[in-house]
Amino acid sequence: MLELDHTIIRTRDKVGSGRFFARTLGLEFDENPGGLFTGVRVNEKLTVFFATSREVPSNHYAFRTSEAEFNIILERIRSEGLTYGSGPFLPALRDGRIAEADGDRGVYFEDPNGHVLEVRAWSVAEVRTR
């Protein structure tokens, strides 16, 4: 069995980026998990580490959640005053709309480093077929 254990996101500020990620998605931030990184535990199988880097290429990180958690995250995005949208590329990335299709809802927004974060609540029927 192969599972993704962790990933490293390059940032200009590993502490600030880790805190933003944890705060926005409702997760716990670990400022000192050991080594060169800060970290956020996404679930029992995945940790996201943050590393400070001079070069920060933009990447896309997508998360699946429940409808209830989606609504909570969307409220956090709005209360932070973040620009969000219905797609991962401009102009949809900043259109202030929610993506809706076949019973699922999604939202895209950028972190302070220009990484695109996607949060999607899949419909019950969609989750069963995946």
N, C-alpha and C. Protein backbone atom coordinates (compact mmCIF):
# COMPACT_ATOMS: atom_id res chain seq x y z
N MET A 1 0.85 -1.18 0.00
CA MET A 1 0.00 0.00 0.00
C MET A 1 0.89 1.25 0.00
N LEU A 2 0.55 2.20 -0.83
CA LEU A 2 1.29 3.44 -0.94
C LEU A 2 0.38 4.59 -0.53
N GLU A 3 0.85 5.43 0.41
CA GLU A 3 0.09 6.59 0.85
C GLU A 3 1.01 7.80 0.91
N LEU A 4 0.46 8.95 0.65
CA LEU A 4 1.22 10.18 0.80
C LEU A 4 1.31 10.50 2.28
N ASP A 5 2.52 10.59 2.81
CA ASP A 5 2.75 10.83 4.24
C ASP A 5 2.87 12.32 4.54
N HIS A 6 3.62 13.04 3.71
CA HIS A 6 3.77 14.47 3.91
C HIS A 6 4.18 15.14 2.60
N THR A 7 4.02 16.43 2.58
CA THR A 7 4.50 17.24 1.47
C THR A 7 5.11 18.50 2.06
N ILE A 8 5.99 19.14 1.31
CA ILE A 8 6.64 20.35 1.77
C ILE A 8 6.26 21.50 0.85
N ILE A 9 5.75 22.55 1.44
CA ILE A 9 5.36 23.74 0.69
C ILE A 9 6.44 24.81 0.92
N ARG A 10 7.04 25.26 -0.16
CA ARG A 10 8.05 26.31 -0.08
C ARG A 10 7.35 27.65 0.06
N THR A 11 7.83 28.47 1.03
CA THR A 11 7.22 29.75 1.35
C THR A 11 8.29 30.80 1.61
N ARG A 12 7.87 32.03 1.66
CA ARG A 12 8.79 33.10 2.05
C ARG A 12 8.90 33.20 3.57
N ASP A 13 7.90 32.70 4.29
CA ASP A 13 7.86 32.75 5.76
C ASP A 13 7.16 31.50 6.26
N LYS A 14 7.94 30.51 6.71
CA LYS A 14 7.37 29.22 7.09
C LYS A 14 6.42 29.32 8.28
N VAL A 15 6.70 30.19 9.23
CA VAL A 15 5.82 30.33 10.39
C VAL A 15 4.51 31.01 9.99
N GLY A 16 4.61 32.14 9.29
CA GLY A 16 3.41 32.85 8.86
C GLY A 16 2.55 32.01 7.94
N SER A 17 3.19 31.28 7.03
CA SER A 17 2.44 30.44 6.09
C SER A 17 1.77 29.28 6.80
N GLY A 18 2.47 28.65 7.72
CA GLY A 18 1.88 27.55 8.48
C GLY A 18 0.69 28.02 9.31
N ARG A 19 0.84 29.18 9.93
CA ARG A 19 -0.27 29.72 10.73
C ARG A 19 -1.47 30.07 9.85
N PHE A 20 -1.22 30.67 8.69
CA PHE A 20 -2.31 31.00 7.76
C PHE A 20 -3.05 29.74 7.35
N PHE A 21 -2.32 28.74 6.94
CA PHE A 21 -2.87 27.46 6.48
C PHE A 21 -3.72 26.84 7.59
N ALA A 22 -3.17 26.75 8.79
CA ALA A 22 -3.89 26.14 9.92
C ALA A 22 -5.13 26.95 10.29
N ARG A 23 -4.99 28.26 10.37
CA ARG A 23 -6.11 29.11 10.76
C ARG A 23 -7.25 29.03 9.74
N THR A 24 -6.92 29.12 8.47
CA THR A 24 -7.93 29.14 7.42
C THR A 24 -8.67 27.80 7.30
N LEU A 25 -7.92 26.71 7.41
CA LEU A 25 -8.53 25.39 7.24
C LEU A 25 -8.98 24.77 8.56
N GLY A 26 -8.74 25.44 9.68
CA GLY A 26 -9.20 24.94 10.97
C GLY A 26 -8.37 23.78 11.49
N LEU A 27 -7.06 23.85 11.31
CA LEU A 27 -6.16 22.78 11.73
C LEU A 27 -5.19 23.30 12.79
N GLU A 28 -4.41 22.40 13.37
CA GLU A 28 -3.45 22.80 14.40
C GLU A 28 -2.07 23.02 13.78
N PHE A 29 -1.43 24.09 14.21
CA PHE A 29 -0.12 24.47 13.72
C PHE A 29 0.95 24.03 14.71
N ASP A 30 2.03 23.45 14.20
CA ASP A 30 3.17 23.05 15.02
C ASP A 30 4.38 23.85 14.55
N GLU A 31 4.77 24.85 15.34
CA GLU A 31 5.87 25.73 14.94
C GLU A 31 7.22 25.03 14.93
N ASN A 32 7.35 23.95 15.69
CA ASN A 32 8.64 23.29 15.78
C ASN A 32 8.50 21.77 15.79
N PRO A 33 8.14 21.18 14.64
CA PRO A 33 8.03 19.72 14.60
C PRO A 33 9.38 19.01 14.52
N GLY A 34 10.43 19.78 14.50
CA GLY A 34 11.79 19.24 14.38
C GLY A 34 12.36 19.57 13.02
N GLY A 35 13.63 19.81 12.97
CA GLY A 35 14.27 20.09 11.70
C GLY A 35 14.04 21.49 11.21
N LEU A 36 13.99 21.64 9.91
CA LEU A 36 13.93 22.94 9.25
C LEU A 36 12.52 23.46 9.00
N PHE A 37 11.51 22.73 9.42
CA PHE A 37 10.15 23.00 8.98
C PHE A 37 9.24 23.43 10.12
N THR A 38 8.10 24.02 9.74
CA THR A 38 6.94 24.12 10.61
C THR A 38 5.93 23.15 10.01
N GLY A 39 4.88 22.81 10.73
CA GLY A 39 3.99 21.79 10.20
C GLY A 39 2.54 21.97 10.58
N VAL A 40 1.68 21.35 9.76
CA VAL A 40 0.25 21.29 10.02
C VAL A 40 -0.19 19.87 9.70
N ARG A 41 -0.78 19.22 10.68
CA ARG A 41 -1.31 17.86 10.50
C ARG A 41 -2.68 17.98 9.88
N VAL A 42 -2.85 17.48 8.66
CA VAL A 42 -4.12 17.56 7.95
C VAL A 42 -5.07 16.48 8.45
N ASN A 43 -4.55 15.27 8.58
CA ASN A 43 -5.32 14.14 9.11
C ASN A 43 -4.33 13.11 9.64
N GLU A 44 -4.81 11.94 10.01
CA GLU A 44 -3.93 10.93 10.61
C GLU A 44 -2.87 10.41 9.65
N LYS A 45 -3.01 10.67 8.36
CA LYS A 45 -2.07 10.15 7.38
C LYS A 45 -1.27 11.21 6.64
N LEU A 46 -1.60 12.47 6.80
CA LEU A 46 -0.93 13.51 6.00
C LEU A 46 -0.55 14.72 6.85
N THR A 47 0.70 15.12 6.74
CA THR A 47 1.20 16.34 7.35
C THR A 47 1.74 17.25 6.24
N VAL A 48 1.44 18.52 6.34
CA VAL A 48 2.00 19.52 5.43
C VAL A 48 3.07 20.28 6.19
N PHE A 49 4.29 20.25 5.66
CA PHE A 49 5.39 21.00 6.25
C PHE A 49 5.63 22.25 5.42
N PHE A 50 6.12 23.30 6.08
CA PHE A 50 6.43 24.56 5.42
C PHE A 50 7.91 24.85 5.59
N ALA A 51 8.56 25.24 4.51
CA ALA A 51 9.99 25.56 4.52
C ALA A 51 10.17 26.95 3.92
N THR A 52 11.03 27.74 4.54
CA THR A 52 11.35 29.05 4.00
C THR A 52 12.31 28.87 2.83
N SER A 53 12.02 29.58 1.74
CA SER A 53 12.80 29.44 0.52
C SER A 53 12.90 30.79 -0.19
N ARG A 54 14.00 31.02 -0.88
CA ARG A 54 14.12 32.25 -1.68
C ARG A 54 13.18 32.20 -2.88
N GLU A 55 13.09 31.04 -3.49
CA GLU A 55 12.21 30.87 -4.65
C GLU A 55 10.95 30.14 -4.22
N VAL A 56 9.80 30.70 -4.59
CA VAL A 56 8.53 30.12 -4.20
C VAL A 56 7.64 29.98 -5.43
N PRO A 57 7.73 28.82 -6.11
CA PRO A 57 6.85 28.61 -7.26
C PRO A 57 5.43 28.36 -6.78
N SER A 58 4.47 28.88 -7.52
CA SER A 58 3.06 28.70 -7.16
C SER A 58 2.63 27.26 -7.43
N ASN A 59 1.92 26.67 -6.47
CA ASN A 59 1.38 25.33 -6.62
C ASN A 59 -0.09 25.32 -6.25
N HIS A 60 -0.75 24.22 -6.54
CA HIS A 60 -2.18 24.04 -6.26
C HIS A 60 -2.33 22.90 -5.26
N TYR A 61 -3.05 23.15 -4.17
CA TYR A 61 -3.30 22.14 -3.15
C TYR A 61 -4.80 22.04 -2.94
N ALA A 62 -5.37 20.84 -3.15
CA ALA A 62 -6.81 20.64 -3.10
C ALA A 62 -7.19 19.73 -1.94
N PHE A 63 -8.26 20.09 -1.25
CA PHE A 63 -8.74 19.34 -0.09
C PHE A 63 -10.22 19.03 -0.23
N ARG A 64 -10.58 17.81 0.11
CA ARG A 64 -11.98 17.38 0.12
C ARG A 64 -12.48 17.44 1.55
N THR A 65 -13.71 17.91 1.74
CA THR A 65 -14.28 18.01 3.07
C THR A 65 -15.79 17.78 3.03
N SER A 66 -16.40 17.78 4.20
CA SER A 66 -17.86 17.66 4.28
C SER A 66 -18.50 19.00 3.95
N GLU A 67 -19.78 18.98 3.69
CA GLU A 67 -20.52 20.21 3.42
C GLU A 67 -20.48 21.15 4.63
N ALA A 68 -20.64 20.60 5.83
CA ALA A 68 -20.62 21.42 7.04
C ALA A 68 -19.26 22.09 7.22
N GLU A 69 -18.18 21.33 7.05
CA GLU A 69 -16.83 21.89 7.20
C GLU A 69 -16.54 22.89 6.08
N PHE A 70 -17.04 22.62 4.88
CA PHE A 70 -16.88 23.57 3.77
C PHE A 70 -17.45 24.93 4.17
N ASN A 71 -18.65 24.93 4.73
CA ASN A 71 -19.29 26.19 5.12
C ASN A 71 -18.48 26.93 6.18
N ILE A 72 -17.90 26.19 7.12
CA ILE A 72 -17.08 26.80 8.16
C ILE A 72 -15.82 27.41 7.55
N ILE A 73 -15.17 26.67 6.65
CA ILE A 73 -13.96 27.19 6.00
C ILE A 73 -14.29 28.40 5.14
N LEU A 74 -15.39 28.35 4.41
CA LEU A 74 -15.80 29.50 3.59
C LEU A 74 -16.01 30.72 4.47
N GLU A 75 -16.61 30.55 5.63
CA GLU A 75 -16.80 31.68 6.55
C GLU A 75 -15.46 32.22 7.04
N ARG A 76 -14.48 31.34 7.30
CA ARG A 76 -13.14 31.80 7.70
C ARG A 76 -12.50 32.62 6.58
N ILE A 77 -12.62 32.13 5.34
CA ILE A 77 -12.06 32.84 4.18
C ILE A 77 -12.67 34.24 4.10
N ARG A 78 -13.99 34.30 4.23
CA ARG A 78 -14.67 35.60 4.16
C ARG A 78 -14.29 36.50 5.32
N SER A 79 -14.22 35.96 6.53
CA SER A 79 -13.90 36.80 7.69
C SER A 79 -12.45 37.30 7.65
N GLU A 80 -11.57 36.56 6.97
CA GLU A 80 -10.18 37.02 6.79
C GLU A 80 -10.09 38.09 5.70
N GLY A 81 -11.18 38.29 4.97
CA GLY A 81 -11.17 39.27 3.89
C GLY A 81 -10.41 38.80 2.67
N LEU A 82 -10.31 37.46 2.51
CA LEU A 82 -9.57 36.90 1.38
C LEU A 82 -10.39 36.93 0.11
N THR A 83 -9.73 37.15 -0.99
CA THR A 83 -10.37 37.06 -2.30
C THR A 83 -10.48 35.59 -2.65
N TYR A 84 -11.64 35.18 -3.16
CA TYR A 84 -11.84 33.77 -3.51
C TYR A 84 -12.64 33.70 -4.80
N GLY A 85 -12.72 32.49 -5.34
CA GLY A 85 -13.45 32.36 -6.58
C GLY A 85 -13.83 30.94 -6.92
N SER A 86 -14.36 30.79 -8.12
CA SER A 86 -14.96 29.53 -8.57
C SER A 86 -14.02 28.69 -9.43
N GLY A 87 -12.79 29.10 -9.60
CA GLY A 87 -11.85 28.33 -10.41
C GLY A 87 -10.42 28.63 -10.03
N PRO A 88 -9.48 27.78 -10.45
CA PRO A 88 -8.09 27.94 -10.04
C PRO A 88 -7.28 28.95 -10.84
N PHE A 89 -7.85 29.47 -11.91
CA PHE A 89 -7.11 30.42 -12.76
C PHE A 89 -7.89 31.72 -12.89
N LEU A 90 -7.17 32.80 -13.15
CA LEU A 90 -7.82 34.10 -13.36
C LEU A 90 -8.66 34.06 -14.63
N PRO A 91 -9.79 34.70 -14.69
CA PRO A 91 -10.37 35.57 -13.66
C PRO A 91 -11.20 34.82 -12.61
N ALA A 92 -11.52 33.54 -12.83
CA ALA A 92 -12.38 32.80 -11.91
C ALA A 92 -11.81 32.74 -10.49
N LEU A 93 -10.49 32.75 -10.35
CA LEU A 93 -9.85 32.67 -9.04
C LEU A 93 -10.27 33.82 -8.12
N ARG A 94 -10.68 34.91 -8.71
CA ARG A 94 -11.03 36.09 -7.90
C ARG A 94 -12.43 36.62 -8.19
N ASP A 95 -13.33 35.74 -8.65
CA ASP A 95 -14.66 36.22 -9.03
C ASP A 95 -15.67 36.29 -7.88
N GLY A 96 -15.28 35.89 -6.66
CA GLY A 96 -16.18 35.97 -5.51
C GLY A 96 -17.33 34.99 -5.56
N ARG A 97 -17.20 33.95 -6.38
CA ARG A 97 -18.28 32.96 -6.53
C ARG A 97 -17.81 31.60 -6.03
N ILE A 98 -18.77 30.73 -5.80
CA ILE A 98 -18.52 29.35 -5.39
C ILE A 98 -18.75 28.47 -6.61
N ALA A 99 -17.86 27.52 -6.85
CA ALA A 99 -18.05 26.55 -7.94
C ALA A 99 -19.09 25.53 -7.49
N GLU A 100 -20.10 25.31 -8.33
CA GLU A 100 -21.14 24.32 -8.02
C GLU A 100 -21.41 23.49 -9.25
N ALA A 101 -21.36 22.16 -9.06
CA ALA A 101 -21.64 21.24 -10.17
C ALA A 101 -21.98 19.87 -9.62
N ASP A 102 -23.06 19.30 -10.11
CA ASP A 102 -23.46 17.94 -9.77
C ASP A 102 -23.52 17.70 -8.26
N GLY A 103 -23.98 18.68 -7.52
CA GLY A 103 -24.15 18.51 -6.08
C GLY A 103 -22.93 18.80 -5.23
N ASP A 104 -21.81 19.14 -5.84
CA ASP A 104 -20.65 19.49 -5.03
C ASP A 104 -20.39 20.99 -5.12
N ARG A 105 -19.66 21.50 -4.13
CA ARG A 105 -19.32 22.92 -4.07
C ARG A 105 -17.83 23.06 -3.82
N GLY A 106 -17.24 24.06 -4.44
CA GLY A 106 -15.81 24.29 -4.26
C GLY A 106 -15.49 25.76 -4.22
N VAL A 107 -14.35 26.05 -3.59
CA VAL A 107 -13.88 27.42 -3.54
C VAL A 107 -12.35 27.39 -3.68
N TYR A 108 -11.82 28.40 -4.33
CA TYR A 108 -10.39 28.54 -4.57
C TYR A 108 -9.94 29.88 -4.01
N PHE A 109 -8.76 29.89 -3.38
CA PHE A 109 -8.20 31.14 -2.88
C PHE A 109 -6.68 31.00 -2.81
N GLU A 110 -6.01 32.14 -2.72
CA GLU A 110 -4.55 32.13 -2.69
C GLU A 110 -4.04 32.36 -1.27
N ASP A 111 -2.93 31.69 -0.96
CA ASP A 111 -2.26 31.96 0.31
C ASP A 111 -1.32 33.15 0.09
N PRO A 112 -0.65 33.64 1.13
CA PRO A 112 0.22 34.81 0.97
C PRO A 112 1.39 34.60 0.01
N ASN A 113 1.69 33.35 -0.37
CA ASN A 113 2.80 33.06 -1.28
C ASN A 113 2.34 32.85 -2.72
N GLY A 114 1.04 32.96 -2.97
CA GLY A 114 0.51 32.75 -4.30
C GLY A 114 0.14 31.31 -4.62
N HIS A 115 0.22 30.41 -3.62
CA HIS A 115 -0.25 29.05 -3.83
C HIS A 115 -1.77 29.09 -3.88
N VAL A 116 -2.36 28.28 -4.75
CA VAL A 116 -3.81 28.21 -4.86
C VAL A 116 -4.29 27.05 -3.99
N LEU A 117 -5.20 27.37 -3.06
CA LEU A 117 -5.81 26.35 -2.21
C LEU A 117 -7.23 26.14 -2.69
N GLU A 118 -7.61 24.87 -2.79
CA GLU A 118 -8.96 24.50 -3.20
C GLU A 118 -9.59 23.70 -2.08
N VAL A 119 -10.81 24.06 -1.72
CA VAL A 119 -11.57 23.29 -0.74
C VAL A 119 -12.87 22.90 -1.42
N ARG A 120 -13.16 21.61 -1.41
CA ARG A 120 -14.33 21.11 -2.13
C ARG A 120 -15.12 20.15 -1.26
N ALA A 121 -16.44 20.38 -1.22
CA ALA A 121 -17.37 19.47 -0.55
C ALA A 121 -18.04 18.65 -1.64
N TRP A 122 -17.73 17.36 -1.66
CA TRP A 122 -18.30 16.47 -2.66
C TRP A 122 -19.68 16.04 -2.22
N SER A 123 -20.57 15.85 -3.19
CA SER A 123 -21.90 15.34 -2.87
C SER A 123 -21.77 13.92 -2.35
N VAL A 124 -22.77 13.44 -1.63
CA VAL A 124 -22.75 12.09 -1.08
C VAL A 124 -22.61 11.07 -2.21
N ALA A 125 -23.36 11.24 -3.29
CA ALA A 125 -23.27 10.29 -4.42
C ALA A 125 -21.88 10.31 -5.04
N GLU A 126 -21.27 11.47 -5.15
CA GLU A 126 -19.94 11.59 -5.75
C GLU A 126 -18.90 10.89 -4.88
N VAL A 127 -18.98 11.05 -3.56
CA VAL A 127 -18.02 10.43 -2.66
C VAL A 127 -18.10 8.90 -2.75
N ARG A 128 -19.29 8.36 -2.88
CA ARG A 128 -19.46 6.91 -2.97
C ARG A 128 -18.83 6.31 -4.21
N THR A 129 -18.75 7.06 -5.29
CA THR A 129 -18.22 6.53 -6.55
C THR A 129 -16.73 6.76 -6.70
N ARG A 130 -16.11 7.47 -5.83
CA ARG A 130 -14.67 7.76 -5.94
C ARG A 130 -13.84 6.74 -5.23
